[in-house]
Amino acid sequence: MSTKQVNVDILLSLGFTVVSPTKHNESVSLDCSGVDQYGDPVVQATVYPNQAGTWSVSLDGGFLAPAYENEDILIKRLDEEFPGWR
C-alpha cells in the first residue's frame, strides 16, 4: 500500500525539498533542486491522497501512480519531460 511518507521519502532521495507544511491527511508539495532561467523550480511534485485511499504523485499537475511502485518510471519521466530537474 502506498503511503504518504514512502512517496515523500522517494522524492526527498531524488533531491526534492518540501515546500508546504506537512499534516497527516493533507497533500505535500515538493520542489526539485533544478531551477529554470527565472530561478523557479523546473518541476514541482505533489503527494496527495487518492480515491483508492492510498497516496499518489502529481508532477506539475499531471497524475502519476505511487512513486514507490514506479520509481524508475518516475525518474525516466522526470528526465524526459523536465530536463534540468536534478
PDB file of N, CA and C in Angstrom:
ATOM      1  N   MET A   1       0.848  -1.192   0.000  1.00  0.00           N
ATOM      2  CA  MET A   1       0.000   0.000   0.000  1.00  0.00           C
ATOM      3  C   MET A   1       0.886   1.245   0.000  1.00  0.00           C
ATOM      4  N   SER A   2       0.564   2.165  -0.851  1.00  0.00           N
ATOM      5  CA  SER A   2       1.327   3.401  -0.976  1.00  0.00           C
ATOM      6  C   SER A   2       0.999   4.335   0.183  1.00  0.00           C
ATOM      7  N   THR A   3       2.037   4.766   0.880  1.00  0.00           N
ATOM      8  CA  THR A   3       1.822   5.714   1.964  1.00  0.00           C
ATOM      9  C   THR A   3       2.379   7.072   1.587  1.00  0.00           C
ATOM     10  N   LYS A   4       1.911   8.055   2.282  1.00  0.00           N
ATOM     11  CA  LYS A   4       2.391   9.411   2.076  1.00  0.00           C
ATOM     12  C   LYS A   4       3.896   9.479   2.320  1.00  0.00           C
ATOM     13  N   GLN A   5       4.345   8.919   3.431  1.00  0.00           N
ATOM     14  CA  GLN A   5       5.752   9.041   3.804  1.00  0.00           C
ATOM     15  C   GLN A   5       6.678   8.327   2.826  1.00  0.00           C
ATOM     16  N   VAL A   6       6.263   7.168   2.320  1.00  0.00           N
ATOM     17  CA  VAL A   6       7.094   6.448   1.341  1.00  0.00           C
ATOM     18  C   VAL A   6       7.298   7.304   0.102  1.00  0.00           C
ATOM     19  N   ASN A   7       6.231   7.887  -0.400  1.00  0.00           N
ATOM     20  CA  ASN A   7       6.327   8.727  -1.598  1.00  0.00           C
ATOM     21  C   ASN A   7       7.165   9.972  -1.339  1.00  0.00           C
ATOM     22  N   VAL A   8       6.976  10.621  -0.197  1.00  0.00           N
ATOM     23  CA  VAL A   8       7.765  11.803   0.147  1.00  0.00           C
ATOM     24  C   VAL A   8       9.236  11.426   0.266  1.00  0.00           C
ATOM     25  N   ASP A   9       9.519  10.304   0.928  1.00  0.00           N
ATOM     26  CA  ASP A   9      10.911   9.871   1.107  1.00  0.00           C
ATOM     27  C   ASP A   9      11.609   9.616  -0.236  1.00  0.00           C
ATOM     28  N   ILE A  10      10.893   9.027  -1.188  1.00  0.00           N
ATOM     29  CA  ILE A  10      11.478   8.786  -2.512  1.00  0.00           C
ATOM     30  C   ILE A  10      11.812  10.112  -3.185  1.00  0.00           C
ATOM     31  N   LEU A  11      10.896  11.050  -3.139  1.00  0.00           N
ATOM     32  CA  LEU A  11      11.161  12.344  -3.764  1.00  0.00           C
ATOM     33  C   LEU A  11      12.315  13.066  -3.057  1.00  0.00           C
ATOM     34  N   LEU A  12      12.374  12.985  -1.738  1.00  0.00           N
ATOM     35  CA  LEU A  12      13.485  13.590  -1.000  1.00  0.00           C
ATOM     36  C   LEU A  12      14.815  12.952  -1.413  1.00  0.00           C
ATOM     37  N   SER A  13      14.797  11.633  -1.617  1.00  0.00           N
ATOM     38  CA  SER A  13      16.027  10.940  -2.016  1.00  0.00           C
ATOM     39  C   SER A  13      16.482  11.356  -3.412  1.00  0.00           C
ATOM     40  N   LEU A  14      15.561  11.885  -4.211  1.00  0.00           N
ATOM     41  CA  LEU A  14      15.890  12.366  -5.559  1.00  0.00           C
ATOM     42  C   LEU A  14      16.285  13.844  -5.560  1.00  0.00           C
ATOM     43  N   GLY A  15      16.363  14.449  -4.383  1.00  0.00           N
ATOM     44  CA  GLY A  15      16.801  15.830  -4.281  1.00  0.00           C
ATOM     45  C   GLY A  15      15.701  16.863  -4.162  1.00  0.00           C
ATOM     46  N   PHE A  16      14.454  16.433  -4.081  1.00  0.00           N
ATOM     47  CA  PHE A  16      13.353  17.370  -3.893  1.00  0.00           C
ATOM     48  C   PHE A  16      13.355  17.879  -2.450  1.00  0.00           C
ATOM     49  N   THR A  17      12.776  19.065  -2.239  1.00  0.00           N
ATOM     50  CA  THR A  17      12.642  19.615  -0.892  1.00  0.00           C
ATOM     51  C   THR A  17      11.178  19.959  -0.641  1.00  0.00           C
ATOM     52  N   VAL A  18      10.743  19.748   0.591  1.00  0.00           N
ATOM     53  CA  VAL A  18       9.357  20.033   0.973  1.00  0.00           C
ATOM     54  C   VAL A  18       9.171  21.545   1.053  1.00  0.00           C
ATOM     55  N   VAL A  19       8.103  22.032   0.418  1.00  0.00           N
ATOM     56  CA  VAL A  19       7.815  23.468   0.426  1.00  0.00           C
ATOM     57  C   VAL A  19       6.462  23.801   1.037  1.00  0.00           C
ATOM     58  N   SER A  20       5.736  22.788   1.485  1.00  0.00           N
ATOM     59  CA  SER A  20       4.452  23.044   2.119  1.00  0.00           C
ATOM     60  C   SER A  20       4.425  22.348   3.471  1.00  0.00           C
ATOM     61  N   PRO A  21       3.633  22.888   4.391  1.00  0.00           N
ATOM     62  CA  PRO A  21       3.506  22.229   5.692  1.00  0.00           C
ATOM     63  C   PRO A  21       2.973  20.808   5.525  1.00  0.00           C
ATOM     64  N   THR A  22       3.420  19.909   6.368  1.00  0.00           N
ATOM     65  CA  THR A  22       3.007  18.518   6.290  1.00  0.00           C
ATOM     66  C   THR A  22       2.051  18.195   7.425  1.00  0.00           C
ATOM     67  N   LYS A  23       0.866  17.748   7.067  1.00  0.00           N
ATOM     68  CA  LYS A  23      -0.109  17.261   8.046  1.00  0.00           C
ATOM     69  C   LYS A  23      -0.526  15.875   7.602  1.00  0.00           C
ATOM     70  N   HIS A  24      -1.020  15.070   8.518  1.00  0.00           N
ATOM     71  CA  HIS A  24      -1.290  13.659   8.249  1.00  0.00           C
ATOM     72  C   HIS A  24      -2.140  13.418   7.003  1.00  0.00           C
ATOM     73  N   ASN A  25      -3.235  14.113   6.848  1.00  0.00           N
ATOM     74  CA  ASN A  25      -4.163  13.826   5.743  1.00  0.00           C
ATOM     75  C   ASN A  25      -4.153  14.888   4.663  1.00  0.00           C
ATOM     76  N   GLU A  26      -3.064  15.636   4.533  1.00  0.00           N
ATOM     77  CA  GLU A  26      -3.029  16.677   3.528  1.00  0.00           C
ATOM     78  C   GLU A  26      -1.907  16.420   2.527  1.00  0.00           C
ATOM     79  N   SER A  27      -2.063  17.006   1.370  1.00  0.00           N
ATOM     80  CA  SER A  27      -1.047  16.895   0.323  1.00  0.00           C
ATOM     81  C   SER A  27       0.248  17.574   0.759  1.00  0.00           C
ATOM     82  N   VAL A  28       1.337  17.129   0.157  1.00  0.00           N
ATOM     83  CA  VAL A  28       2.652  17.717   0.409  1.00  0.00           C
ATOM     84  C   VAL A  28       3.227  18.157  -0.927  1.00  0.00           C
ATOM     85  N   SER A  29       3.690  19.398  -1.004  1.00  0.00           N
ATOM     86  CA  SER A  29       4.326  19.906  -2.218  1.00  0.00           C
ATOM     87  C   SER A  29       5.829  19.905  -2.031  1.00  0.00           C
ATOM     88  N   LEU A  30       6.530  19.479  -3.084  1.00  0.00           N
ATOM     89  CA  LEU A  30       7.992  19.438  -3.065  1.00  0.00           C
ATOM     90  C   LEU A  30       8.520  20.043  -4.350  1.00  0.00           C
ATOM     91  N   ASP A  31       9.616  20.789  -4.241  1.00  0.00           N
ATOM     92  CA  ASP A  31      10.274  21.367  -5.407  1.00  0.00           C
ATOM     93  C   ASP A  31      11.524  20.568  -5.726  1.00  0.00           C
ATOM     94  N   CYS A  32      11.822  20.436  -7.014  1.00  0.00           N
ATOM     95  CA  CYS A  32      13.074  19.796  -7.416  1.00  0.00           C
ATOM     96  C   CYS A  32      14.225  20.764  -7.152  1.00  0.00           C
ATOM     97  N   SER A  33      15.442  20.254  -7.232  1.00  0.00           N
ATOM     98  CA  SER A  33      16.603  21.111  -6.972  1.00  0.00           C
ATOM     99  C   SER A  33      16.983  21.957  -8.183  1.00  0.00           C
ATOM    100  N   GLY A  34      16.614  21.526  -9.386  1.00  0.00           N
ATOM    101  CA  GLY A  34      16.932  22.285 -10.596  1.00  0.00           C
ATOM    102  C   GLY A  34      16.020  23.481 -10.773  1.00  0.00           C
ATOM    103  N   VAL A  35      16.578  24.583 -11.258  1.00  0.00           N
ATOM    104  CA  VAL A  35      15.775  25.784 -11.491  1.00  0.00           C
ATOM    105  C   VAL A  35      15.901  26.235 -12.945  1.00  0.00           C
ATOM    106  N   ASP A  36      14.885  26.965 -13.392  1.00  0.00           N
ATOM    107  CA  ASP A  36      14.897  27.484 -14.762  1.00  0.00           C
ATOM    108  C   ASP A  36      15.599  28.846 -14.800  1.00  0.00           C
ATOM    109  N   GLN A  37      15.541  29.507 -15.937  1.00  0.00           N
ATOM    110  CA  GLN A  37      16.244  30.777 -16.110  1.00  0.00           C
ATOM    111  C   GLN A  37      15.689  31.889 -15.219  1.00  0.00           C
ATOM    112  N   TYR A  38      14.502  31.697 -14.645  1.00  0.00           N
ATOM    113  CA  TYR A  38      13.899  32.696 -13.766  1.00  0.00           C
ATOM    114  C   TYR A  38      14.120  32.371 -12.287  1.00  0.00           C
ATOM    115  N   GLY A  39      14.794  31.250 -12.021  1.00  0.00           N
ATOM    116  CA  GLY A  39      15.054  30.851 -10.648  1.00  0.00           C
ATOM    117  C   GLY A  39      13.935  30.035 -10.026  1.00  0.00           C
ATOM    118  N   ASP A  40      12.966  29.640 -10.841  1.00  0.00           N
ATOM    119  CA  ASP A  40      11.855  28.820 -10.350  1.00  0.00           C
ATOM    120  C   ASP A  40      12.190  27.339 -10.517  1.00  0.00           C
ATOM    121  N   PRO A  41      11.633  26.478  -9.665  1.00  0.00           N
ATOM    122  CA  PRO A  41      11.882  25.037  -9.817  1.00  0.00           C
ATOM    123  C   PRO A  41      11.428  24.549 -11.184  1.00  0.00           C
ATOM    124  N   VAL A  42      12.197  23.650 -11.781  1.00  0.00           N
ATOM    125  CA  VAL A  42      11.853  23.088 -13.084  1.00  0.00           C
ATOM    126  C   VAL A  42      10.554  22.291 -12.983  1.00  0.00           C
ATOM    127  N   VAL A  43      10.355  21.616 -11.860  1.00  0.00           N
ATOM    128  CA  VAL A  43       9.140  20.828 -11.657  1.00  0.00           C
ATOM    129  C   VAL A  43       8.794  20.799 -10.175  1.00  0.00           C
ATOM    130  N   GLN A  44       7.492  20.803  -9.899  1.00  0.00           N
ATOM    131  CA  GLN A  44       7.006  20.642  -8.530  1.00  0.00           C
ATOM    132  C   GLN A  44       6.215  19.344  -8.465  1.00  0.00           C
ATOM    133  N   ALA A  45       6.465  18.584  -7.421  1.00  0.00           N
ATOM    134  CA  ALA A  45       5.735  17.335  -7.197  1.00  0.00           C
ATOM    135  C   ALA A  45       4.780  17.535  -6.030  1.00  0.00           C
ATOM    136  N   THR A  46       3.620  16.919  -6.130  1.00  0.00           N
ATOM    137  CA  THR A  46       2.657  16.942  -5.037  1.00  0.00           C
ATOM    138  C   THR A  46       2.278  15.515  -4.691  1.00  0.00           C
ATOM    139  N   VAL A  47       2.419  15.150  -3.443  1.00  0.00           N
ATOM    140  CA  VAL A  47       1.986  13.849  -2.950  1.00  0.00           C
ATOM    141  C   VAL A  47       0.604  14.081  -2.344  1.00  0.00           C
ATOM    142  N   TYR A  48      -0.395  13.348  -2.860  1.00  0.00           N
ATOM    143  CA  TYR A  48      -1.772  13.623  -2.456  1.00  0.00           C
ATOM    144  C   TYR A  48      -2.545  12.325  -2.230  1.00  0.00           C
ATOM    145  N   PRO A  49      -3.585  12.379  -1.364  1.00  0.00           N
ATOM    146  CA  PRO A  49      -4.411  11.193  -1.152  1.00  0.00           C
ATOM    147  C   PRO A  49      -5.320  10.987  -2.359  1.00  0.00           C
ATOM    148  N   ASN A  50      -5.390   9.737  -2.837  1.00  0.00           N
ATOM    149  CA  ASN A  50      -6.260   9.465  -3.980  1.00  0.00           C
ATOM    150  C   ASN A  50      -7.553   8.795  -3.524  1.00  0.00           C
ATOM    151  N   GLN A  51      -8.443   8.557  -4.448  1.00  0.00           N
ATOM    152  CA  GLN A  51      -9.751   7.989  -4.115  1.00  0.00           C
ATOM    153  C   GLN A  51      -9.669   6.546  -3.645  1.00  0.00           C
ATOM    154  N   ALA A  52      -8.568   5.874  -3.929  1.00  0.00           N
ATOM    155  CA  ALA A  52      -8.403   4.478  -3.512  1.00  0.00           C
ATOM    156  C   ALA A  52      -7.954   4.374  -2.058  1.00  0.00           C
ATOM    157  N   GLY A  53      -7.693   5.534  -1.438  1.00  0.00           N
ATOM    158  CA  GLY A  53      -7.267   5.520  -0.049  1.00  0.00           C
ATOM    159  C   GLY A  53      -5.762   5.383   0.120  1.00  0.00           C
ATOM    160  N   THR A  54      -5.018   5.487  -0.989  1.00  0.00           N
ATOM    161  CA  THR A  54      -3.558   5.468  -0.922  1.00  0.00           C
ATOM    162  C   THR A  54      -3.062   6.852  -1.347  1.00  0.00           C
ATOM    163  N   TRP A  55      -1.774   6.966  -1.639  1.00  0.00           N
ATOM    164  CA  TRP A  55      -1.190   8.255  -1.986  1.00  0.00           C
ATOM    165  C   TRP A  55      -0.565   8.172  -3.369  1.00  0.00           C
ATOM    166  N   SER A  56      -0.718   9.237  -4.139  1.00  0.00           N
ATOM    167  CA  SER A  56      -0.167   9.314  -5.485  1.00  0.00           C
ATOM    168  C   SER A  56       0.697  10.558  -5.615  1.00  0.00           C
ATOM    169  N   VAL A  57       1.404  10.642  -6.747  1.00  0.00           N
ATOM    170  CA  VAL A  57       2.280  11.771  -7.020  1.00  0.00           C
ATOM    171  C   VAL A  57       1.806  12.481  -8.281  1.00  0.00           C
ATOM    172  N   SER A  58       1.775  13.787  -8.225  1.00  0.00           N
ATOM    173  CA  SER A  58       1.467  14.618  -9.381  1.00  0.00           C
ATOM    174  C   SER A  58       2.708  15.431  -9.707  1.00  0.00           C
ATOM    175  N   LEU A  59       3.102  15.448 -10.967  1.00  0.00           N
ATOM    176  CA  LEU A  59       4.211  16.278 -11.413  1.00  0.00           C
ATOM    177  C   LEU A  59       3.644  17.438 -12.217  1.00  0.00           C
ATOM    178  N   ASP A  60       3.750  18.645 -11.686  1.00  0.00           N
ATOM    179  CA  ASP A  60       3.193  19.839 -12.326  1.00  0.00           C
ATOM    180  C   ASP A  60       1.752  19.629 -12.768  1.00  0.00           C
ATOM    181  N   GLY A  61       0.960  18.990 -11.957  1.00  0.00           N
ATOM    182  CA  GLY A  61      -0.461  18.824 -12.213  1.00  0.00           C
ATOM    183  C   GLY A  61      -0.855  17.569 -12.958  1.00  0.00           C
ATOM    184  N   GLY A  62       0.108  16.787 -13.451  1.00  0.00           N
ATOM    185  CA  GLY A  62      -0.207  15.546 -14.149  1.00  0.00           C
ATOM    186  C   GLY A  62      -0.195  14.367 -13.190  1.00  0.00           C
ATOM    187  N   PHE A  63      -1.101  13.435 -13.343  1.00  0.00           N
ATOM    188  CA  PHE A  63      -1.190  12.276 -12.457  1.00  0.00           C
ATOM    189  C   PHE A  63      -0.057  11.295 -12.692  1.00  0.00           C
ATOM    190  N   LEU A  64       0.424  10.715 -11.639  1.00  0.00           N
ATOM    191  CA  LEU A  64       1.383   9.623 -11.699  1.00  0.00           C
ATOM    192  C   LEU A  64       1.045   8.668 -10.571  1.00  0.00           C
ATOM    193  N   ALA A  65       1.133   7.381 -10.847  1.00  0.00           N
ATOM    194  CA  ALA A  65       0.847   6.367  -9.830  1.00  0.00           C
ATOM    195  C   ALA A  65       1.835   6.513  -8.668  1.00  0.00           C
ATOM    196  N   PRO A  66       1.621   5.749  -7.601  1.00  0.00           N
ATOM    197  CA  PRO A  66       2.513   5.854  -6.448  1.00  0.00           C
ATOM    198  C   PRO A  66       3.980   5.721  -6.842  1.00  0.00           C
ATOM    199  N   ALA A  67       4.806   6.612  -6.344  1.00  0.00           N
ATOM    200  CA  ALA A  67       6.218   6.649  -6.720  1.00  0.00           C
ATOM    201  C   ALA A  67       6.951   5.379  -6.317  1.00  0.00           C
ATOM    202  N   TYR A  68       6.580   4.797  -5.185  1.00  0.00           N
ATOM    203  CA  TYR A  68       7.337   3.631  -4.734  1.00  0.00           C
ATOM    204  C   TYR A  68       7.140   2.442  -5.655  1.00  0.00           C
ATOM    205  N   GLU A  69       6.036   2.392  -6.357  1.00  0.00           N
ATOM    206  CA  GLU A  69       5.793   1.305  -7.298  1.00  0.00           C
ATOM    207  C   GLU A  69       6.406   1.604  -8.667  1.00  0.00           C
ATOM    208  N   ASN A  70       6.728   2.850  -8.916  1.00  0.00           N
ATOM    209  CA  ASN A  70       7.160   3.275 -10.241  1.00  0.00           C
ATOM    210  C   ASN A  70       8.377   4.195 -10.178  1.00  0.00           C
ATOM    211  N   GLU A  71       9.309   3.931  -9.268  1.00  0.00           N
ATOM    212  CA  GLU A  71      10.446   4.843  -9.098  1.00  0.00           C
ATOM    213  C   GLU A  71      11.242   5.000 -10.390  1.00  0.00           C
ATOM    214  N   ASP A  72      11.491   3.907 -11.101  1.00  0.00           N
ATOM    215  CA  ASP A  72      12.234   4.007 -12.363  1.00  0.00           C
ATOM    216  C   ASP A  72      11.447   4.800 -13.404  1.00  0.00           C
ATOM    217  N   ILE A  73      10.137   4.584 -13.441  1.00  0.00           N
ATOM    218  CA  ILE A  73       9.292   5.337 -14.369  1.00  0.00           C
ATOM    219  C   ILE A  73       9.266   6.806 -13.979  1.00  0.00           C
ATOM    220  N   LEU A  74       9.242   7.071 -12.679  1.00  0.00           N
ATOM    221  CA  LEU A  74       9.264   8.450 -12.197  1.00  0.00           C
ATOM    222  C   LEU A  74      10.529   9.160 -12.662  1.00  0.00           C
ATOM    223  N   ILE A  75      11.685   8.539 -12.477  1.00  0.00           N
ATOM    224  CA  ILE A  75      12.958   9.141 -12.882  1.00  0.00           C
ATOM    225  C   ILE A  75      12.999   9.329 -14.397  1.00  0.00           C
ATOM    226  N   LYS A  76      12.553   8.318 -15.148  1.00  0.00           N
ATOM    227  CA  LYS A  76      12.534   8.419 -16.609  1.00  0.00           C
ATOM    228  C   LYS A  76      11.639   9.568 -17.058  1.00  0.00           C
ATOM    229  N   ARG A  77      10.460   9.672 -16.440  1.00  0.00           N
ATOM    230  CA  ARG A  77       9.534  10.743 -16.812  1.00  0.00           C
ATOM    231  C   ARG A  77      10.119  12.110 -16.478  1.00  0.00           C
ATOM    232  N   LEU A  78      10.742  12.226 -15.315  1.00  0.00           N
ATOM    233  CA  LEU A  78      11.379  13.490 -14.950  1.00  0.00           C
ATOM    234  C   LEU A  78      12.461  13.855 -15.963  1.00  0.00           C
ATOM    235  N   ASP A  79      13.294  12.877 -16.326  1.00  0.00           N
ATOM    236  CA  ASP A  79      14.371  13.125 -17.287  1.00  0.00           C
ATOM    237  C   ASP A  79      13.835  13.542 -18.653  1.00  0.00           C
ATOM    238  N   GLU A  80      12.763  12.885 -19.106  1.00  0.00           N
ATOM    239  CA  GLU A  80      12.215  13.158 -20.433  1.00  0.00           C
ATOM    240  C   GLU A  80      11.406  14.453 -20.498  1.00  0.00           C
ATOM    241  N   GLU A  81      10.579  14.687 -19.485  1.00  0.00           N
ATOM    242  CA  GLU A  81       9.640  15.813 -19.551  1.00  0.00           C
ATOM    243  C   GLU A  81      10.127  17.075 -18.846  1.00  0.00           C
ATOM    244  N   PHE A  82      11.086  16.930 -17.947  1.00  0.00           N
ATOM    245  CA  PHE A  82      11.532  18.073 -17.169  1.00  0.00           C
ATOM    246  C   PHE A  82      13.063  18.145 -17.133  1.00  0.00           C
ATOM    247  N   PRO A  83      13.702  18.320 -18.306  1.00  0.00           N
ATOM    248  CA  PRO A  83      15.154  18.400 -18.327  1.00  0.00           C
ATOM    249  C   PRO A  83      15.630  19.486 -17.359  1.00  0.00           C
ATOM    250  N   GLY A  84      16.691  19.185 -16.650  1.00  0.00           N
ATOM    251  CA  GLY A  84      17.227  20.138 -15.700  1.00  0.00           C
ATOM    252  C   GLY A  84      16.643  20.036 -14.301  1.00  0.00           C
ATOM    253  N   TRP A  85      15.824  19.014 -14.050  1.00  0.00           N
ATOM    254  CA  TRP A  85      15.189  18.887 -12.732  1.00  0.00           C
ATOM    255  C   TRP A  85      16.184  18.538 -11.639  1.00  0.00           C
ATOM    256  N   ARG A  86      17.301  17.929 -11.999  1.00  0.00           N
ATOM    257  CA  ARG A  86      18.272  17.488 -10.986  1.00  0.00           C
ATOM    258  C   ARG A  86      19.122  18.634 -10.477  1.00  0.00           C
TER     259      ARG A  86
END
